[in-house]
Protein backbone atom coordinates (compact mmCIF):
# COMPACT_ATOMS: atom_id res chain seq x y z
CA MET A 1 0.00 0.00 0.00
CA ASN A 2 1.25 3.44 -0.88
CA THR A 3 1.55 5.41 2.37
CA THR A 4 2.09 8.84 0.85
CA HIS A 5 0.60 11.39 3.21
CA PHE A 6 -2.13 13.72 1.93
CA ASN A 7 -4.75 16.15 3.23
CA LEU A 8 -8.48 15.49 2.96
CA ALA A 9 -11.71 17.48 3.25
CA ILE A 10 -14.95 15.66 4.15
CA VAL A 11 -18.24 17.20 3.03
CA ASP A 12 -21.55 15.59 3.98
CA ASP A 13 -24.81 16.84 5.46
CA ASP A 14 -24.88 13.87 7.88
CA LYS A 15 -22.79 15.00 10.84
CA LEU A 16 -22.46 11.45 12.16
CA VAL A 17 -20.97 10.30 8.84
CA VAL A 18 -18.51 13.20 8.90
CA GLU A 19 -17.37 12.42 12.45
CA LEU A 20 -17.07 8.67 11.86
CA LEU A 21 -15.03 9.16 8.70
CA LYS A 22 -12.86 11.82 10.30
CA ASN A 23 -12.08 9.60 13.29
CA PHE A 24 -11.33 6.63 11.05
CA PHE A 25 -8.96 8.53 8.77
CA GLN A 26 -7.21 10.30 11.64
CA GLU A 27 -6.20 6.90 13.01
CA THR A 28 -4.22 6.23 9.85
CA THR A 29 -0.75 7.52 9.03
CA THR A 30 -1.81 8.35 5.50
CA ILE A 31 -4.61 10.92 5.67
CA GLU A 32 -4.98 14.13 7.63
CA VAL A 33 -8.48 15.60 7.69
CA VAL A 34 -7.95 19.36 7.41
CA ILE A 35 -11.54 20.46 6.66
CA THR A 36 -14.99 19.16 7.56
CA ALA A 37 -18.14 20.77 6.16
CA TYR A 38 -21.84 19.98 5.92
CA ASN A 39 -22.57 21.52 2.51
CA GLY A 40 -20.79 23.04 -0.46
CA VAL A 41 -21.07 26.61 0.79
CA GLU A 42 -19.24 25.74 4.01
CA LEU A 43 -16.54 23.91 2.04
CA ILE A 44 -15.86 26.79 -0.35
CA GLU A 45 -15.72 29.27 2.55
CA ALA A 46 -13.26 27.02 4.38
CA LEU A 47 -11.08 26.65 1.28
CA GLN A 48 -10.96 30.42 0.87
CA GLU A 49 -10.07 30.98 4.53
CA ASN A 50 -7.67 28.11 5.28
CA ASP A 51 -3.94 28.34 4.66
CA THR A 52 -3.73 24.56 4.22
CA LEU A 53 -5.73 23.25 1.27
CA PRO A 54 -6.75 19.61 0.97
CA ASP A 55 -5.32 17.44 -1.79
CA MET A 56 -8.69 15.73 -2.08
CA VAL A 57 -12.36 16.27 -1.22
CA LEU A 58 -14.66 13.42 -0.20
CA LEU A 59 -18.01 14.79 -1.31
CA ASP A 60 -21.68 13.93 -0.80
CA LEU A 61 -24.23 14.74 -3.53
CA ARG A 62 -27.48 15.61 -1.74
CA MET A 63 -26.88 18.63 0.50
CA ASP A 64 -28.70 21.86 1.32
CA LYS A 65 -27.43 25.31 0.24
CA MET A 66 -25.05 23.84 -2.35
CA ASN A 67 -25.26 20.25 -3.57
CA GLY A 68 -22.38 18.07 -4.70
CA ILE A 69 -22.78 18.76 -8.42
CA ASP A 70 -22.69 22.53 -7.95
CA THR A 71 -19.81 22.16 -5.52
CA MET A 72 -17.79 20.19 -8.08
CA SER A 73 -18.36 22.94 -10.63
CA VAL A 74 -16.94 25.56 -8.26
CA LEU A 75 -14.02 23.34 -7.27
CA LYS A 76 -12.97 22.65 -10.86
CA LYS A 77 -13.07 26.38 -11.60
CA GLU A 78 -11.47 27.83 -8.47
CA PHE A 79 -9.44 24.89 -7.06
CA PRO A 80 -8.65 22.67 -10.08
CA ASP A 81 -5.77 20.83 -8.39
CA ILE A 82 -8.02 19.32 -5.71
CA LYS A 83 -9.12 15.77 -6.53
CA ILE A 84 -12.79 14.91 -5.96
CA VAL A 85 -14.19 11.59 -4.75
CA VAL A 86 -17.99 11.48 -4.67
CA LEU A 87 -19.43 9.25 -1.93
CA SER A 88 -23.22 9.05 -2.18
CA SER A 89 -26.20 7.06 -0.94
CA HIS A 90 -27.80 7.94 -4.28
CA TYR A 91 -25.18 5.99 -6.20
CA LYS A 92 -26.09 4.51 -9.58
CA ARG A 93 -23.45 3.08 -11.86
CA SER A 94 -25.23 4.66 -14.84
CA PHE A 95 -24.28 8.08 -13.41
CA MET A 96 -20.56 7.31 -13.95
CA GLY A 97 -20.24 9.10 -17.29
CA PHE A 98 -21.88 12.23 -15.92
CA MET A 99 -19.66 12.18 -12.84
CA LEU A 100 -16.52 11.97 -14.97
CA LYS A 101 -17.66 14.87 -17.14
CA SER A 102 -18.42 16.85 -13.98
CA GLY A 103 -14.87 16.37 -12.74
CA ALA A 104 -15.07 13.50 -10.26
CA ASN A 105 -11.96 11.35 -9.91
CA ALA A 106 -14.01 8.50 -8.42
CA PHE A 107 -17.70 7.81 -7.73
CA LEU A 108 -18.58 5.47 -4.87
CA PRO A 109 -21.60 4.18 -2.91
CA LYS A 110 -21.81 5.03 0.79
CA GLU A 111 -22.19 1.34 1.58
CA ILE A 112 -18.51 0.78 0.77
CA GLU A 113 -16.35 -0.57 3.58
CA ALA A 114 -14.12 1.96 5.34
CA THR A 115 -10.92 -0.01 4.66
CA LYS A 116 -11.80 -0.29 0.97
CA LEU A 117 -12.55 3.44 0.88
CA LEU A 118 -9.12 4.14 2.34
CA ASP A 119 -7.43 2.04 -0.35
CA ILE A 120 -9.41 3.84 -3.08
CA LEU A 121 -8.52 7.30 -1.77
CA ILE A 122 -4.85 6.34 -1.78
CA GLU A 123 -5.14 5.12 -5.38
CA VAL A 124 -6.88 8.33 -6.44
CA HIS A 125 -4.12 10.33 -4.75
CA THR A 126 -1.33 8.40 -6.50
CA LYS A 127 -2.93 7.67 -9.90
CA GLY A 128 -5.58 10.36 -10.21
CA HIS A 129 -8.66 8.16 -10.58
CA TYR A 130 -10.40 4.93 -9.60
CA PHE A 131 -13.11 2.86 -11.32
CA LEU A 132 -15.18 0.17 -9.60
CA PRO A 133 -15.35 -3.07 -11.63
CA GLU A 134 -19.04 -2.51 -12.41
CA GLN A 135 -18.22 0.99 -13.65
CA VAL A 136 -15.68 -0.44 -16.07
CA ASP A 137 -18.51 -2.38 -17.75
CA VAL A 138 -20.56 0.81 -18.08
CA ILE A 139 -17.61 2.72 -19.52
CA LYS A 140 -16.96 -0.03 -22.07
CA GLU A 141 -20.62 0.10 -23.11
CA GLN A 142 -20.44 3.88 -23.46
CA LEU A 143 -17.37 3.48 -25.66
CA SER A 144 -19.13 1.23 -28.15
CA SER A 145 -19.16 2.19 -31.82
CA ASN A 146 -22.72 3.48 -31.46
CA THR A 147 -21.82 5.96 -28.73
CA PRO A 148 -21.19 9.54 -29.93
CA LYS A 149 -17.68 10.74 -29.26
CA LEU A 150 -17.02 13.66 -26.98
CA THR A 151 -16.26 16.92 -28.73
CA LEU A 152 -12.59 17.21 -27.91
CA ALA A 153 -9.50 18.52 -29.60
CA SER A 154 -7.88 16.29 -32.21
CA LYS A 155 -5.06 14.03 -31.07
CA ASP A 156 -2.94 15.78 -33.69
CA ALA A 157 -2.82 18.75 -31.33
CA LEU A 158 -0.62 16.68 -28.97
CA SER A 159 3.11 16.48 -29.46
CA GLU A 160 4.88 13.13 -29.76
CA ARG A 161 6.15 13.40 -26.19
CA GLU A 162 2.69 14.34 -24.91
CA LEU A 163 1.23 11.27 -26.64
CA GLU A 164 3.86 9.11 -24.93
CA VAL A 165 2.99 10.58 -21.55
CA LEU A 166 -0.74 10.20 -22.20
CA LYS A 167 -0.43 6.51 -23.06
CA LEU A 168 1.58 5.84 -19.89
CA ILE A 169 -0.98 7.72 -17.79
CA CYS A 170 -3.64 5.42 -19.25
CA LEU A 171 -1.55 2.42 -18.22
CA GLN A 172 -1.89 3.71 -14.63
CA LEU A 173 1.74 4.72 -14.15
CA THR A 174 2.42 7.47 -11.64
CA ALA A 175 4.28 10.65 -12.58
CA ARG A 176 7.43 9.26 -10.94
CA GLU A 177 7.15 5.99 -12.86
CA ILE A 178 6.54 7.83 -16.14
CA GLY A 179 9.58 9.98 -15.50
CA GLU A 180 11.74 6.92 -14.92
CA ARG A 181 10.38 5.27 -18.08
CA LEU A 182 11.02 8.33 -20.28
CA PHE A 183 14.18 9.56 -18.49
CA ILE A 184 12.64 12.91 -17.55
CA THR A 185 11.88 14.50 -14.19
CA GLN A 186 8.58 14.08 -12.34
CA ARG A 187 8.08 17.85 -12.63
CA THR A 188 8.45 17.62 -16.41
CA VAL A 189 5.86 14.84 -16.49
CA GLU A 190 3.42 16.99 -14.53
CA GLY A 191 4.02 19.82 -16.98
CA HIS A 192 3.22 17.56 -19.93
CA LYS A 193 0.10 16.30 -18.15
CA ASN A 194 -1.15 19.83 -17.51
CA ARG A 195 -0.71 20.72 -21.18
CA ILE A 196 -2.49 17.53 -22.24
CA LEU A 197 -5.44 18.39 -19.99
CA LEU A 198 -5.56 21.87 -21.50
CA LYS A 199 -5.40 20.65 -25.09
CA THR A 200 -7.93 17.84 -24.70
CA GLY A 201 -10.36 19.89 -22.63
CA VAL A 202 -10.94 17.13 -20.07
CA LYS A 203 -10.83 17.70 -16.33
CA ASN A 204 -8.77 14.87 -14.86
CA THR A 205 -6.90 11.65 -15.58
CA ALA A 206 -10.11 9.63 -15.68
CA GLY A 207 -11.24 11.83 -18.55
CA LEU A 208 -7.90 11.28 -20.29
CA VAL A 209 -8.52 7.53 -20.28
CA LEU A 210 -11.86 8.03 -22.04
CA TYR A 211 -10.29 10.50 -24.48
CA SER A 212 -7.53 8.01 -25.36
CA VAL A 213 -9.94 5.15 -26.02
CA GLN A 214 -12.27 7.32 -28.09
CA HIS A 215 -9.38 8.56 -30.23
CA ASN A 216 -7.92 5.05 -30.67
CA LEU A 217 -4.74 5.82 -28.72
CA ILE A 218 -5.36 2.76 -26.54
CA HIS A 219 -7.80 -0.15 -26.66
CA PRO A 220 -10.18 -0.51 -23.67
CA ASP A 221 -8.77 -3.93 -22.85
CA ASP A 222 -5.27 -2.44 -22.64
CA TYR A 223 -6.42 -0.32 -19.73
CA PHE A 224 -9.29 -2.18 -18.11
CA LEU A 225 -7.43 -5.38 -17.44
CA GLY A 226 -9.13 -8.17 -15.49
């Protein structure tokens, strides 16, 4: 298990859920909960006021004042570096495509076990995204020949090096691993990734996977193994 330390914000209108999750994560050596909030308005205010920003937000969907969808929209505009994991009791796997387009790095049901949730958050932190097995099936269906492609920039807009980096991202390599593979620094990899995101118009690495499959840069089975 990757034990890289990162900061987390928990946003849910159920105060008991917030406290239980906070206490669970604080017992680990991996996650520090730096913000708790009960709706999107409280989260945005805390982000604007706090000196320490979270690396990731664990976000509910149904909340008063500002729901999870509206909160994601604000986060992607004002705090684009913060990863978003949606944890909802209104989970449906058919919502996965919408969640990806909205900027979520992972979409999970609240019934998930706490230890499994911890593993997923670590994977999102290190790789940028996580798909449940059932979501992989939905994504494959959505990528069938009958599914309209997203309106994105042509792959020709990417340089040869950017295409190399993109393919390795889709193979779930971290920035450090990509740097070692291509003999460049991790900072250079992150620079390439940021330019790829800008050129393709997608919001996160999960979106890059979909972009790559839709533009025939990788085959679904090359990524969604097992």
